[in-house]
Amino acid sequence: MSDNNKSESTTKTPSHVAYQVRDREGQKGFWTRIGSVWPHADGKGFNVQLEVVPLDGRITLRVATEKKE
């Protein structure tokens, strides 16, 4: 991937948000935002930019939405 494509994809609003989800027994899972996701221009893949790498749990990608106030 060239620097041109990378800077172009990271300046647009991400289509998805990456979360680490840790399940807790008898409770809802604990969700932590860990990164952002952008679709490729050709629609055949995604770039995932993680700010941290989880050691446990799972990574879940969700459609990015505006925050509720």
PDB file of N, CA and C in Angstrom:
ATOM      1  N   MET A   1       0.849  -1.176   0.000  1.00  0.00           N
ATOM      2  CA  MET A   1       0.000   0.000   0.000  1.00  0.00           C
ATOM      3  C   MET A   1       0.887   1.229   0.000  1.00  0.00           C
ATOM      4  N   SER A   2       0.615   2.157  -0.862  1.00  0.00           N
ATOM      5  CA  SER A   2       1.432   3.365  -0.928  1.00  0.00           C
ATOM      6  C   SER A   2       0.995   4.354   0.139  1.00  0.00           C
ATOM      7  N   ASP A   3       1.880   5.293   0.464  1.00  0.00           N
ATOM      8  CA  ASP A   3       1.555   6.313   1.462  1.00  0.00           C
ATOM      9  C   ASP A   3       0.369   7.156   1.015  1.00  0.00           C
ATOM     10  N   ASN A   4       0.245   7.384  -0.304  1.00  0.00           N
ATOM     11  CA  ASN A   4      -0.877   8.151  -0.831  1.00  0.00           C
ATOM     12  C   ASN A   4      -2.202   7.516  -0.463  1.00  0.00           C
ATOM     13  N   ASN A   5      -2.333   6.210  -0.685  1.00  0.00           N
ATOM     14  CA  ASN A   5      -3.576   5.512  -0.372  1.00  0.00           C
ATOM     15  C   ASN A   5      -3.845   5.498   1.119  1.00  0.00           C
ATOM     16  N   LYS A   6      -2.807   5.310   1.924  1.00  0.00           N
ATOM     17  CA  LYS A   6      -2.988   5.253   3.368  1.00  0.00           C
ATOM     18  C   LYS A   6      -3.488   6.592   3.903  1.00  0.00           C
ATOM     19  N   SER A   7      -2.866   7.692   3.502  1.00  0.00           N
ATOM     20  CA  SER A   7      -3.285   8.987   4.018  1.00  0.00           C
ATOM     21  C   SER A   7      -4.673   9.342   3.524  1.00  0.00           C
ATOM     22  N   GLU A   8      -5.018   8.899   2.313  1.00  0.00           N
ATOM     23  CA  GLU A   8      -6.347   9.165   1.784  1.00  0.00           C
ATOM     24  C   GLU A   8      -7.403   8.404   2.576  1.00  0.00           C
ATOM     25  N   SER A   9      -7.129   7.133   2.903  1.00  0.00           N
ATOM     26  CA  SER A   9      -8.123   6.335   3.616  1.00  0.00           C
ATOM     27  C   SER A   9      -8.260   6.748   5.067  1.00  0.00           C
ATOM     28  N   THR A  10      -7.207   7.242   5.693  1.00  0.00           N
ATOM     29  CA  THR A  10      -7.295   7.603   7.104  1.00  0.00           C
ATOM     30  C   THR A  10      -7.875   8.996   7.318  1.00  0.00           C
ATOM     31  N   THR A  11      -8.048   9.798   6.266  1.00  0.00           N
ATOM     32  CA  THR A  11      -8.624  11.118   6.440  1.00  0.00           C
ATOM     33  C   THR A  11     -10.140  11.085   6.319  1.00  0.00           C
ATOM     34  N   LYS A  12     -10.706  10.050   5.738  1.00  0.00           N
ATOM     35  CA  LYS A  12     -12.156   9.921   5.621  1.00  0.00           C
ATOM     36  C   LYS A  12     -12.725   9.355   6.913  1.00  0.00           C
ATOM     37  N   THR A  13     -14.015   9.563   7.107  1.00  0.00           N
ATOM     38  CA  THR A  13     -14.683   9.006   8.267  1.00  0.00           C
ATOM     39  C   THR A  13     -14.721   7.486   8.150  1.00  0.00           C
ATOM     40  N   PRO A  14     -14.375   6.761   9.202  1.00  0.00           N
ATOM     41  CA  PRO A  14     -14.390   5.295   9.124  1.00  0.00           C
ATOM     42  C   PRO A  14     -15.818   4.766   8.964  1.00  0.00           C
ATOM     43  N   SER A  15     -15.940   3.626   8.297  1.00  0.00           N
ATOM     44  CA  SER A  15     -17.259   3.013   8.119  1.00  0.00           C
ATOM     45  C   SER A  15     -17.639   2.153   9.319  1.00  0.00           C
ATOM     46  N   HIS A  16     -16.628   1.646  10.046  1.00  0.00           N
ATOM     47  CA  HIS A  16     -16.857   0.763  11.184  1.00  0.00           C
ATOM     48  C   HIS A  16     -15.916   1.149  12.326  1.00  0.00           C
ATOM     49  N   VAL A  17     -16.262   0.705  13.512  1.00  0.00           N
ATOM     50  CA  VAL A  17     -15.429   0.896  14.691  1.00  0.00           C
ATOM     51  C   VAL A  17     -15.053  -0.495  15.206  1.00  0.00           C
ATOM     52  N   ALA A  18     -13.791  -0.667  15.600  1.00  0.00           N
ATOM     53  CA  ALA A  18     -13.317  -1.947  16.153  1.00  0.00           C
ATOM     54  C   ALA A  18     -13.361  -1.883  17.675  1.00  0.00           C
ATOM     55  N   TYR A  19     -13.918  -2.923  18.279  1.00  0.00           N
ATOM     56  CA  TYR A  19     -14.008  -3.031  19.726  1.00  0.00           C
ATOM     57  C   TYR A  19     -13.398  -4.342  20.196  1.00  0.00           C
ATOM     58  N   GLN A  20     -12.803  -4.323  21.377  1.00  0.00           N
ATOM     59  CA  GLN A  20     -12.446  -5.553  22.074  1.00  0.00           C
ATOM     60  C   GLN A  20     -13.623  -5.854  22.994  1.00  0.00           C
ATOM     61  N   VAL A  21     -14.110  -7.083  22.949  1.00  0.00           N
ATOM     62  CA  VAL A  21     -15.232  -7.470  23.807  1.00  0.00           C
ATOM     63  C   VAL A  21     -14.775  -8.599  24.722  1.00  0.00           C
ATOM     64  N   ARG A  22     -14.894  -8.353  26.025  1.00  0.00           N
ATOM     65  CA  ARG A  22     -14.574  -9.377  27.019  1.00  0.00           C
ATOM     66  C   ARG A  22     -15.871  -9.797  27.700  1.00  0.00           C
ATOM     67  N   ASP A  23     -16.182 -11.072  27.582  1.00  0.00           N
ATOM     68  CA  ASP A  23     -17.393 -11.595  28.221  1.00  0.00           C
ATOM     69  C   ASP A  23     -17.176 -11.724  29.719  1.00  0.00           C
ATOM     70  N   ARG A  24     -18.245 -11.434  30.465  1.00  0.00           N
ATOM     71  CA  ARG A  24     -18.197 -11.570  31.918  1.00  0.00           C
ATOM     72  C   ARG A  24     -19.332 -12.485  32.341  1.00  0.00           C
ATOM     73  N   GLU A  25     -19.026 -13.412  33.204  1.00  0.00           N
ATOM     74  CA  GLU A  25     -20.007 -14.415  33.621  1.00  0.00           C
ATOM     75  C   GLU A  25     -21.207 -13.762  34.293  1.00  0.00           C
ATOM     76  N   GLY A  26     -22.389 -14.020  33.742  1.00  0.00           N
ATOM     77  CA  GLY A  26     -23.624 -13.504  34.323  1.00  0.00           C
ATOM     78  C   GLY A  26     -23.863 -12.021  34.099  1.00  0.00           C
ATOM     79  N   GLN A  27     -23.021 -11.344  33.307  1.00  0.00           N
ATOM     80  CA  GLN A  27     -23.168  -9.911  33.061  1.00  0.00           C
ATOM     81  C   GLN A  27     -22.985  -9.645  31.566  1.00  0.00           C
ATOM     82  N   LYS A  28     -23.305  -8.416  31.160  1.00  0.00           N
ATOM     83  CA  LYS A  28     -23.055  -8.024  29.780  1.00  0.00           C
ATOM     84  C   LYS A  28     -21.553  -7.976  29.535  1.00  0.00           C
ATOM     85  N   GLY A  29     -21.162  -8.143  28.270  1.00  0.00           N
ATOM     86  CA  GLY A  29     -19.753  -8.050  27.908  1.00  0.00           C
ATOM     87  C   GLY A  29     -19.231  -6.641  28.115  1.00  0.00           C
ATOM     88  N   PHE A  30     -17.924  -6.527  28.312  1.00  0.00           N
ATOM     89  CA  PHE A  30     -17.266  -5.234  28.499  1.00  0.00           C
ATOM     90  C   PHE A  30     -16.637  -4.840  27.175  1.00  0.00           C
ATOM     91  N   TRP A  31     -17.103  -3.742  26.561  1.00  0.00           N
ATOM     92  CA  TRP A  31     -16.668  -3.299  25.236  1.00  0.00           C
ATOM     93  C   TRP A  31     -15.688  -2.134  25.369  1.00  0.00           C
ATOM     94  N   THR A  32     -14.549  -2.235  24.685  1.00  0.00           N
ATOM     95  CA  THR A  32     -13.548  -1.172  24.672  1.00  0.00           C
ATOM     96  C   THR A  32     -13.218  -0.847  23.225  1.00  0.00           C
ATOM     97  N   ARG A  33     -13.339   0.420  22.846  1.00  0.00           N
ATOM     98  CA  ARG A  33     -13.004   0.821  21.478  1.00  0.00           C
ATOM     99  C   ARG A  33     -11.494   0.712  21.297  1.00  0.00           C
ATOM    100  N   ILE A  34     -11.067   0.029  20.222  1.00  0.00           N
ATOM    101  CA  ILE A  34      -9.635  -0.173  20.006  1.00  0.00           C
ATOM    102  C   ILE A  34      -9.161   0.286  18.629  1.00  0.00           C
ATOM    103  N   GLY A  35     -10.068   0.737  17.758  1.00  0.00           N
ATOM    104  CA  GLY A  35      -9.611   1.164  16.441  1.00  0.00           C
ATOM    105  C   GLY A  35     -10.749   1.520  15.505  1.00  0.00           C
ATOM    106  N   SER A  36     -10.377   1.724  14.231  1.00  0.00           N
ATOM    107  CA  SER A  36     -11.321   2.140  13.200  1.00  0.00           C
ATOM    108  C   SER A  36     -11.087   1.325  11.931  1.00  0.00           C
ATOM    109  N   VAL A  37     -12.122   1.306  11.061  1.00  0.00           N
ATOM    110  CA  VAL A  37     -12.089   0.489   9.851  1.00  0.00           C
ATOM    111  C   VAL A  37     -12.591   1.312   8.668  1.00  0.00           C
ATOM    112  N   TRP A  38     -11.860   1.224   7.543  1.00  0.00           N
ATOM    113  CA  TRP A  38     -12.237   1.907   6.313  1.00  0.00           C
ATOM    114  C   TRP A  38     -12.330   0.897   5.177  1.00  0.00           C
ATOM    115  N   PRO A  39     -13.362   1.015   4.315  1.00  0.00           N
ATOM    116  CA  PRO A  39     -13.458   0.094   3.175  1.00  0.00           C
ATOM    117  C   PRO A  39     -12.465   0.488   2.078  1.00  0.00           C
ATOM    118  N   HIS A  40     -12.001  -0.520   1.327  1.00  0.00           N
ATOM    119  CA  HIS A  40     -11.167  -0.249   0.160  1.00  0.00           C
ATOM    120  C   HIS A  40     -12.022   0.412  -0.914  1.00  0.00           C
ATOM    121  N   ALA A  41     -11.395   1.190  -1.758  1.00  0.00           N
ATOM    122  CA  ALA A  41     -12.107   1.902  -2.826  1.00  0.00           C
ATOM    123  C   ALA A  41     -12.845   0.937  -3.750  1.00  0.00           C
ATOM    124  N   ASP A  42     -12.285  -0.267  -3.975  1.00  0.00           N
ATOM    125  CA  ASP A  42     -12.932  -1.223  -4.872  1.00  0.00           C
ATOM    126  C   ASP A  42     -14.015  -2.040  -4.183  1.00  0.00           C
ATOM    127  N   GLY A  43     -14.232  -1.833  -2.867  1.00  0.00           N
ATOM    128  CA  GLY A  43     -15.279  -2.527  -2.140  1.00  0.00           C
ATOM    129  C   GLY A  43     -14.981  -3.980  -1.822  1.00  0.00           C
ATOM    130  N   LYS A  44     -13.728  -4.423  -2.029  1.00  0.00           N
ATOM    131  CA  LYS A  44     -13.396  -5.831  -1.838  1.00  0.00           C
ATOM    132  C   LYS A  44     -12.584  -6.106  -0.575  1.00  0.00           C
ATOM    133  N   GLY A  45     -12.500  -5.149   0.326  1.00  0.00           N
ATOM    134  CA  GLY A  45     -11.744  -5.374   1.554  1.00  0.00           C
ATOM    135  C   GLY A  45     -11.801  -4.151   2.453  1.00  0.00           C
ATOM    136  N   PHE A  46     -11.053  -4.232   3.551  1.00  0.00           N
ATOM    137  CA  PHE A  46     -11.040  -3.161   4.543  1.00  0.00           C
ATOM    138  C   PHE A  46      -9.626  -2.919   5.045  1.00  0.00           C
ATOM    139  N   ASN A  47      -9.359  -1.690   5.469  1.00  0.00           N
ATOM    140  CA  ASN A  47      -8.152  -1.368   6.227  1.00  0.00           C
ATOM    141  C   ASN A  47      -8.582  -1.239   7.681  1.00  0.00           C
ATOM    142  N   VAL A  48      -7.884  -1.936   8.564  1.00  0.00           N
ATOM    143  CA  VAL A  48      -8.177  -1.897   9.994  1.00  0.00           C
ATOM    144  C   VAL A  48      -6.998  -1.238  10.687  1.00  0.00           C
ATOM    145  N   GLN A  49      -7.266  -0.144  11.388  1.00  0.00           N
ATOM    146  CA  GLN A  49      -6.217   0.548  12.122  1.00  0.00           C
ATOM    147  C   GLN A  49      -6.505   0.385  13.614  1.00  0.00           C
ATOM    148  N   LEU A  50      -5.695  -0.440  14.279  1.00  0.00           N
ATOM    149  CA  LEU A  50      -5.870  -0.683  15.705  1.00  0.00           C
ATOM    150  C   LEU A  50      -4.956   0.235  16.508  1.00  0.00           C
ATOM    151  N   GLU A  51      -5.491   0.800  17.576  1.00  0.00           N
ATOM    152  CA  GLU A  51      -4.705   1.646  18.468  1.00  0.00           C
ATOM    153  C   GLU A  51      -4.073   0.818  19.576  1.00  0.00           C
ATOM    154  N   VAL A  52      -4.673  -0.310  19.878  1.00  0.00           N
ATOM    155  CA  VAL A  52      -4.145  -1.283  20.844  1.00  0.00           C
ATOM    156  C   VAL A  52      -4.441  -2.681  20.304  1.00  0.00           C
ATOM    157  N   VAL A  53      -3.698  -3.664  20.770  1.00  0.00           N
ATOM    158  CA  VAL A  53      -3.930  -5.050  20.372  1.00  0.00           C
ATOM    159  C   VAL A  53      -4.373  -5.824  21.610  1.00  0.00           C
ATOM    160  N   PRO A  54      -5.594  -6.358  21.591  1.00  0.00           N
ATOM    161  CA  PRO A  54      -6.085  -7.072  22.770  1.00  0.00           C
ATOM    162  C   PRO A  54      -5.384  -8.416  22.954  1.00  0.00           C
ATOM    163  N   LEU A  55      -5.185  -8.784  24.207  1.00  0.00           N
ATOM    164  CA  LEU A  55      -4.577 -10.069  24.534  1.00  0.00           C
ATOM    165  C   LEU A  55      -5.620 -11.134  24.827  1.00  0.00           C
ATOM    166  N   ASP A  56      -6.849 -10.715  25.113  1.00  0.00           N
ATOM    167  CA  ASP A  56      -7.911 -11.670  25.374  1.00  0.00           C
ATOM    168  C   ASP A  56      -9.210 -11.125  24.804  1.00  0.00           C
ATOM    169  N   GLY A  57     -10.260 -11.899  24.911  1.00  0.00           N
ATOM    170  CA  GLY A  57     -11.547 -11.479  24.375  1.00  0.00           C
ATOM    171  C   GLY A  57     -11.590 -11.663  22.875  1.00  0.00           C
ATOM    172  N   ARG A  58     -12.435 -10.886  22.230  1.00  0.00           N
ATOM    173  CA  ARG A  58     -12.574 -10.963  20.776  1.00  0.00           C
ATOM    174  C   ARG A  58     -12.626  -9.559  20.198  1.00  0.00           C
ATOM    175  N   ILE A  59     -12.389  -9.434  18.896  1.00  0.00           N
ATOM    176  CA  ILE A  59     -12.512  -8.154  18.204  1.00  0.00           C
ATOM    177  C   ILE A  59     -13.826  -8.170  17.441  1.00  0.00           C
ATOM    178  N   THR A  60     -14.641  -7.150  17.660  1.00  0.00           N
ATOM    179  CA  THR A  60     -15.927  -7.007  16.996  1.00  0.00           C
ATOM    180  C   THR A  60     -15.914  -5.707  16.198  1.00  0.00           C
ATOM    181  N   LEU A  61     -16.376  -5.775  14.945  1.00  0.00           N
ATOM    182  CA  LEU A  61     -16.487  -4.590  14.099  1.00  0.00           C
ATOM    183  C   LEU A  61     -17.954  -4.210  14.006  1.00  0.00           C
ATOM    184  N   ARG A  62     -18.247  -2.937  14.286  1.00  0.00           N
ATOM    185  CA  ARG A  62     -19.623  -2.430  14.227  1.00  0.00           C
ATOM    186  C   ARG A  62     -19.674  -1.221  13.303  1.00  0.00           C
ATOM    187  N   VAL A  63     -20.804  -1.030  12.642  1.00  0.00           N
ATOM    188  CA  VAL A  63     -20.998   0.122  11.773  1.00  0.00           C
ATOM    189  C   VAL A  63     -20.845   1.382  12.625  1.00  0.00           C
ATOM    190  N   ALA A  64     -20.053   2.338  12.130  1.00  0.00           N
ATOM    191  CA  ALA A  64     -19.857   3.601  12.850  1.00  0.00           C
ATOM    192  C   ALA A  64     -21.131   4.432  12.795  1.00  0.00           C
ATOM    193  N   THR A  65     -21.523   4.960  13.935  1.00  0.00           N
ATOM    194  CA  THR A  65     -22.686   5.824  14.022  1.00  0.00           C
ATOM    195  C   THR A  65     -22.335   7.048  14.842  1.00  0.00           C
ATOM    196  N   GLU A  66     -23.148   8.078  14.722  1.00  0.00           N
ATOM    197  CA  GLU A  66     -22.922   9.264  15.533  1.00  0.00           C
ATOM    198  C   GLU A  66     -23.265   8.942  16.984  1.00  0.00           C
ATOM    199  N   LYS A  67     -22.503   9.528  17.904  1.00  0.00           N
ATOM    200  CA  LYS A  67     -22.752   9.284  19.330  1.00  0.00           C
ATOM    201  C   LYS A  67     -24.074   9.911  19.742  1.00  0.00           C
ATOM    202  N   LYS A  68     -24.797   9.221  20.618  1.00  0.00           N
ATOM    203  CA  LYS A  68     -26.037   9.751  21.180  1.00  0.00           C
ATOM    204  C   LYS A  68     -25.671  10.633  22.363  1.00  0.00           C
ATOM    205  N   GLU A  69     -26.329  11.774  22.466  1.00  0.00           N
ATOM    206  CA  GLU A  69     -26.036  12.683  23.580  1.00  0.00           C
ATOM    207  C   GLU A  69     -27.005  12.526  24.704  1.00  0.00           C
TER     208      GLU A  69
END
